[in-house]
Amino acid sequence: MGVGKKLAAQCAAVFSARNIGGAQIEDVTEGVRKLEVMDDRRLVIMVGTNNLQQNGSEVVLRKFSTFIECCKARKNRTVTLIAFRGVLV
């Protein structure tokens, strides 16, 4: 069981987890777009990529910029982005 599922099981009243394995940044952006506006939500997103060589850093940075703007538009209390494995932020 992953960290998200453990936290959801222990703190279901204040925590929910979504796992989108294999999703592209556009998929995650669309998922955030579908969230209702909540001023008190703390959004934590863990992302990574393995396609920097395929897409190029400019394309990946543009997609992440769109993603971050989408997170801001949802008016979350805080947004924490945890990036790993070749992500340029």
N, C-alpha and C. Protein backbone atom coordinates (compact mmCIF):
# COMPACT_ATOMS: atom_id res chain seq x y z
N MET A 1 0.85 -1.18 0.00
CA MET A 1 0.00 0.00 0.00
C MET A 1 0.90 1.24 0.00
N GLY A 2 0.58 2.19 -0.89
CA GLY A 2 1.38 3.40 -0.98
C GLY A 2 1.04 4.41 0.10
N VAL A 3 1.84 5.45 0.18
CA VAL A 3 1.67 6.49 1.19
C VAL A 3 0.29 7.13 1.08
N GLY A 4 -0.14 7.46 -0.14
CA GLY A 4 -1.43 8.10 -0.33
C GLY A 4 -2.58 7.26 0.19
N LYS A 5 -2.56 5.98 -0.10
CA LYS A 5 -3.63 5.09 0.37
C LYS A 5 -3.60 4.95 1.88
N LYS A 6 -2.41 4.90 2.47
CA LYS A 6 -2.32 4.81 3.93
C LYS A 6 -2.88 6.06 4.59
N LEU A 7 -2.53 7.22 4.06
CA LEU A 7 -3.05 8.46 4.62
C LEU A 7 -4.56 8.55 4.45
N ALA A 8 -5.06 8.13 3.30
CA ALA A 8 -6.50 8.14 3.07
C ALA A 8 -7.22 7.23 4.05
N ALA A 9 -6.63 6.06 4.34
CA ALA A 9 -7.24 5.12 5.28
C ALA A 9 -7.23 5.67 6.70
N GLN A 10 -6.16 6.37 7.07
CA GLN A 10 -6.02 6.87 8.43
C GLN A 10 -6.72 8.21 8.65
N CYS A 11 -6.82 9.01 7.61
CA CYS A 11 -7.31 10.39 7.76
C CYS A 11 -8.36 10.72 6.71
N ALA A 12 -9.28 9.82 6.47
CA ALA A 12 -10.26 9.98 5.39
C ALA A 12 -11.07 11.27 5.49
N ALA A 13 -11.26 11.78 6.68
CA ALA A 13 -12.06 13.00 6.84
C ALA A 13 -11.35 14.23 6.28
N VAL A 14 -10.02 14.20 6.21
CA VAL A 14 -9.29 15.38 5.77
C VAL A 14 -8.33 15.11 4.61
N PHE A 15 -8.28 13.87 4.13
CA PHE A 15 -7.30 13.52 3.11
C PHE A 15 -7.92 12.58 2.08
N SER A 16 -7.61 12.83 0.83
CA SER A 16 -7.98 11.87 -0.22
C SER A 16 -6.79 11.77 -1.17
N ALA A 17 -6.67 10.63 -1.79
CA ALA A 17 -5.54 10.37 -2.69
C ALA A 17 -6.05 9.92 -4.05
N ARG A 18 -5.35 10.35 -5.07
CA ARG A 18 -5.62 9.88 -6.43
C ARG A 18 -4.30 9.48 -7.05
N ASN A 19 -4.29 8.36 -7.69
CA ASN A 19 -3.09 7.86 -8.35
C ASN A 19 -3.40 7.69 -9.82
N ILE A 20 -2.61 8.34 -10.66
CA ILE A 20 -2.81 8.25 -12.11
C ILE A 20 -1.50 7.74 -12.71
N GLY A 21 -1.21 6.47 -12.51
CA GLY A 21 0.02 5.89 -13.03
C GLY A 21 0.09 5.96 -14.54
N GLY A 22 1.23 6.37 -15.06
CA GLY A 22 1.43 6.45 -16.50
C GLY A 22 0.79 7.65 -17.16
N ALA A 23 0.18 8.52 -16.36
CA ALA A 23 -0.49 9.69 -16.92
C ALA A 23 0.53 10.69 -17.44
N GLN A 24 0.14 11.41 -18.45
CA GLN A 24 0.97 12.50 -18.95
C GLN A 24 0.55 13.78 -18.25
N ILE A 25 1.38 14.81 -18.33
CA ILE A 25 1.11 16.05 -17.62
C ILE A 25 -0.24 16.64 -18.04
N GLU A 26 -0.64 16.44 -19.28
CA GLU A 26 -1.93 16.93 -19.72
C GLU A 26 -3.07 16.23 -18.96
N ASP A 27 -2.90 14.94 -18.68
CA ASP A 27 -3.91 14.19 -17.93
C ASP A 27 -4.04 14.71 -16.51
N VAL A 28 -2.91 14.98 -15.88
CA VAL A 28 -2.92 15.49 -14.50
C VAL A 28 -3.50 16.91 -14.49
N THR A 29 -3.13 17.72 -15.47
CA THR A 29 -3.68 19.07 -15.57
C THR A 29 -5.19 19.02 -15.68
N GLU A 30 -5.71 18.13 -16.51
CA GLU A 30 -7.15 17.99 -16.68
C GLU A 30 -7.81 17.53 -15.37
N GLY A 31 -7.14 16.64 -14.64
CA GLY A 31 -7.67 16.20 -13.34
C GLY A 31 -7.77 17.34 -12.35
N VAL A 32 -6.76 18.20 -12.33
CA VAL A 32 -6.78 19.37 -11.44
C VAL A 32 -7.87 20.33 -11.89
N ARG A 33 -8.03 20.50 -13.20
CA ARG A 33 -9.07 21.39 -13.74
C ARG A 33 -10.47 20.97 -13.27
N LYS A 34 -10.66 19.68 -13.08
CA LYS A 34 -11.97 19.15 -12.69
C LYS A 34 -12.23 19.28 -11.18
N LEU A 35 -11.21 19.61 -10.40
CA LEU A 35 -11.40 19.78 -8.96
C LEU A 35 -12.27 21.00 -8.69
N GLU A 36 -13.12 20.89 -7.69
CA GLU A 36 -13.89 22.06 -7.31
C GLU A 36 -12.98 23.07 -6.63
N VAL A 37 -13.34 24.34 -6.71
CA VAL A 37 -12.56 25.39 -6.06
C VAL A 37 -12.73 25.24 -4.56
N MET A 38 -11.61 25.17 -3.83
CA MET A 38 -11.63 25.03 -2.37
C MET A 38 -10.49 25.85 -1.79
N ASP A 39 -10.83 26.94 -1.13
CA ASP A 39 -9.81 27.81 -0.56
C ASP A 39 -8.98 27.15 0.52
N ASP A 40 -9.50 26.09 1.15
CA ASP A 40 -8.77 25.48 2.26
C ASP A 40 -8.05 24.18 1.86
N ARG A 41 -8.07 23.80 0.59
CA ARG A 41 -7.41 22.57 0.16
C ARG A 41 -5.89 22.78 0.06
N ARG A 42 -5.17 21.80 0.53
CA ARG A 42 -3.72 21.74 0.34
C ARG A 42 -3.46 20.64 -0.68
N LEU A 43 -3.07 21.04 -1.85
CA LEU A 43 -2.87 20.12 -2.96
C LEU A 43 -1.40 19.73 -3.03
N VAL A 44 -1.13 18.42 -2.97
CA VAL A 44 0.24 17.91 -3.06
C VAL A 44 0.29 16.99 -4.27
N ILE A 45 1.19 17.29 -5.18
CA ILE A 45 1.29 16.51 -6.41
C ILE A 45 2.72 16.05 -6.59
N MET A 46 2.88 14.75 -6.81
CA MET A 46 4.19 14.15 -7.09
C MET A 46 4.23 13.81 -8.57
N VAL A 47 5.22 14.35 -9.27
CA VAL A 47 5.31 14.14 -10.71
C VAL A 47 6.72 13.77 -11.11
N GLY A 48 6.82 13.14 -12.23
CA GLY A 48 8.11 12.81 -12.80
C GLY A 48 7.96 12.61 -14.29
N THR A 49 9.06 12.56 -14.98
CA THR A 49 9.00 12.34 -16.42
C THR A 49 10.22 11.54 -16.86
N ASN A 50 10.03 10.83 -17.92
CA ASN A 50 11.15 10.11 -18.53
C ASN A 50 11.21 10.41 -20.02
N ASN A 51 10.57 11.48 -20.43
CA ASN A 51 10.54 11.79 -21.86
C ASN A 51 11.13 13.16 -22.22
N LEU A 52 12.09 13.62 -21.43
CA LEU A 52 12.73 14.90 -21.75
C LEU A 52 13.43 14.86 -23.10
N GLN A 53 14.10 13.76 -23.39
CA GLN A 53 14.80 13.65 -24.67
C GLN A 53 13.81 13.59 -25.83
N GLN A 54 12.73 12.89 -25.63
CA GLN A 54 11.73 12.73 -26.69
C GLN A 54 11.02 14.05 -26.99
N ASN A 55 10.55 14.76 -25.95
CA ASN A 55 9.76 15.97 -26.14
C ASN A 55 10.59 17.25 -26.10
N GLY A 56 11.73 17.20 -25.46
CA GLY A 56 12.55 18.39 -25.31
C GLY A 56 12.15 19.19 -24.08
N SER A 57 13.11 19.86 -23.49
CA SER A 57 12.87 20.56 -22.23
C SER A 57 11.90 21.72 -22.39
N GLU A 58 11.91 22.41 -23.54
CA GLU A 58 11.00 23.54 -23.73
C GLU A 58 9.55 23.10 -23.71
N VAL A 59 9.25 21.99 -24.35
CA VAL A 59 7.88 21.46 -24.38
C VAL A 59 7.46 21.05 -22.98
N VAL A 60 8.33 20.33 -22.27
CA VAL A 60 8.01 19.87 -20.92
C VAL A 60 7.80 21.08 -20.00
N LEU A 61 8.66 22.08 -20.08
CA LEU A 61 8.50 23.28 -19.26
C LEU A 61 7.20 24.01 -19.57
N ARG A 62 6.82 24.09 -20.82
CA ARG A 62 5.57 24.74 -21.20
C ARG A 62 4.37 23.98 -20.60
N LYS A 63 4.42 22.64 -20.66
CA LYS A 63 3.33 21.83 -20.10
C LYS A 63 3.25 22.00 -18.59
N PHE A 64 4.41 22.06 -17.91
CA PHE A 64 4.41 22.26 -16.46
C PHE A 64 3.92 23.66 -16.11
N SER A 65 4.25 24.64 -16.91
CA SER A 65 3.76 26.00 -16.67
C SER A 65 2.24 26.05 -16.75
N THR A 66 1.68 25.39 -17.75
CA THR A 66 0.23 25.31 -17.89
C THR A 66 -0.37 24.60 -16.69
N PHE A 67 0.27 23.53 -16.26
CA PHE A 67 -0.19 22.76 -15.10
C PHE A 67 -0.20 23.62 -13.84
N ILE A 68 0.87 24.35 -13.59
CA ILE A 68 0.98 25.20 -12.40
C ILE A 68 -0.08 26.30 -12.43
N GLU A 69 -0.30 26.90 -13.58
CA GLU A 69 -1.34 27.93 -13.69
C GLU A 69 -2.72 27.35 -13.41
N CYS A 70 -2.94 26.12 -13.84
CA CYS A 70 -4.21 25.44 -13.55
C CYS A 70 -4.38 25.23 -12.05
N CYS A 71 -3.31 24.84 -11.36
CA CYS A 71 -3.35 24.65 -9.91
C CYS A 71 -3.70 25.96 -9.22
N LYS A 72 -3.12 27.06 -9.67
CA LYS A 72 -3.40 28.37 -9.09
C LYS A 72 -4.86 28.77 -9.32
N ALA A 73 -5.38 28.44 -10.47
CA ALA A 73 -6.75 28.81 -10.82
C ALA A 73 -7.78 28.10 -9.95
N ARG A 74 -7.43 26.96 -9.40
CA ARG A 74 -8.35 26.22 -8.53
C ARG A 74 -8.41 26.82 -7.14
N LYS A 75 -7.63 27.82 -6.88
CA LYS A 75 -7.63 28.56 -5.61
C LYS A 75 -7.40 27.66 -4.40
N ASN A 76 -6.45 26.76 -4.51
CA ASN A 76 -6.06 25.93 -3.38
C ASN A 76 -5.37 26.79 -2.33
N ARG A 77 -5.44 26.36 -1.08
CA ARG A 77 -4.75 27.10 -0.03
C ARG A 77 -3.24 27.07 -0.27
N THR A 78 -2.72 25.88 -0.55
CA THR A 78 -1.32 25.72 -0.93
C THR A 78 -1.22 24.65 -2.01
N VAL A 79 -0.18 24.75 -2.79
CA VAL A 79 0.13 23.73 -3.79
C VAL A 79 1.59 23.35 -3.58
N THR A 80 1.83 22.06 -3.38
CA THR A 80 3.19 21.54 -3.25
C THR A 80 3.44 20.62 -4.42
N LEU A 81 4.48 20.90 -5.16
CA LEU A 81 4.84 20.09 -6.31
C LEU A 81 6.15 19.38 -6.00
N ILE A 82 6.10 18.07 -5.99
CA ILE A 82 7.29 17.26 -5.75
C ILE A 82 7.69 16.66 -7.09
N ALA A 83 8.82 17.08 -7.59
CA ALA A 83 9.27 16.65 -8.92
C ALA A 83 10.51 15.78 -8.80
N PHE A 84 10.58 14.77 -9.63
CA PHE A 84 11.72 13.85 -9.60
C PHE A 84 11.96 13.28 -11.00
N ARG A 85 13.09 12.66 -11.16
CA ARG A 85 13.48 11.93 -12.36
C ARG A 85 13.46 12.76 -13.63
N GLY A 86 14.31 13.75 -13.66
CA GLY A 86 14.49 14.50 -14.90
C GLY A 86 13.52 15.64 -15.12
N VAL A 87 12.76 16.03 -14.13
CA VAL A 87 11.82 17.12 -14.31
C VAL A 87 12.55 18.44 -14.12
N LEU A 88 12.30 19.36 -15.03
CA LEU A 88 12.88 20.70 -14.92
C LEU A 88 11.81 21.62 -14.37
N VAL A 89 12.03 22.17 -13.19
CA VAL A 89 11.06 23.09 -12.60
C VAL A 89 11.75 24.39 -12.27
